[in-house]
C-alpha cells in the first residue's frame, strides 16, 4: 500500500508544512530583529567615534 495516497499522510503533510511555515516566519522575524539591533549598535559606535574626534 502506498502511504502517500492515504488521507492520514495528507493530514500529517499539511500539519508539517504549516509548522514549517511558522518556523520560517519566526526565523525571518528573528533575523529582522537581529539585523536592526546590529545596525543600531554600529550607528552608536559611529556616533561615539565622531564625538571622540570632536573632543
Protein backbone atom coordinates (compact mmCIF):
# COMPACT_ATOMS: atom_id res chain seq x y z
CA UNK A 1 0.00 0.00 0.00
CA UNK A 2 1.33 3.40 -0.94
CA UNK A 3 1.43 5.62 2.16
CA UNK A 4 1.42 8.85 0.13
CA UNK A 5 -2.11 8.20 -1.09
CA UNK A 6 -3.53 7.72 2.41
CA UNK A 7 -5.59 10.54 3.96
CA UNK A 8 -3.59 10.31 7.19
CA UNK A 9 -0.44 11.16 5.30
CA UNK A 10 -2.07 14.16 3.64
CA UNK A 11 -3.22 15.44 7.02
CA UNK A 12 0.25 14.93 8.51
CA UNK A 13 1.85 16.63 5.49
CA UNK A 14 -0.45 19.66 5.82
CA UNK A 15 0.39 19.99 9.52
CA UNK A 16 4.10 19.59 8.76
CA UNK A 17 4.04 22.32 6.09
CA UNK A 18 2.09 24.63 8.40
CA UNK A 19 4.57 24.13 11.25
CA UNK A 20 7.46 24.62 8.86
CA UNK A 21 5.92 27.88 7.61
CA UNK A 22 5.52 29.11 11.20
CA UNK A 23 9.13 28.23 11.97
CA UNK A 24 10.35 30.02 8.83
CA UNK A 25 8.34 33.10 9.74
CA UNK A 26 9.74 33.11 13.28
CA UNK A 27 13.27 32.79 11.91
CA UNK A 28 12.63 35.63 9.47
CA UNK A 29 11.41 37.96 12.20
CA UNK A 30 14.30 37.00 14.49
CA UNK A 31 16.68 37.83 11.66
CA UNK A 32 14.98 41.19 11.18
CA UNK A 33 15.31 41.95 14.89
CA UNK A 34 18.96 40.87 14.93
CA UNK A 35 19.69 42.97 11.87
CA UNK A 36 18.04 46.04 13.37
CA UNK A 37 19.96 45.58 16.59
CA UNK A 38 23.20 45.25 14.63
CA UNK A 39 22.53 48.46 12.72
CA UNK A 40 21.72 50.26 15.98
CA UNK A 41 24.99 49.14 17.60
CA UNK A 42 27.06 50.09 14.56
CA UNK A 43 25.44 53.54 14.37
CA UNK A 44 26.02 54.06 18.09
CA UNK A 45 29.68 53.14 17.64
CA UNK A 46 29.99 55.55 14.70
CA UNK A 47 28.37 58.37 16.66
CA UNK A 48 30.64 57.66 19.62
CA UNK A 49 33.71 57.79 17.35
CA UNK A 50 32.54 61.10 15.85
CA UNK A 51 32.10 62.61 19.32
CA UNK A 52 35.60 61.49 20.31
CA UNK A 53 37.06 63.12 17.18
CA UNK A 54 35.34 66.41 18.04
CA UNK A 55 36.86 66.50 21.51
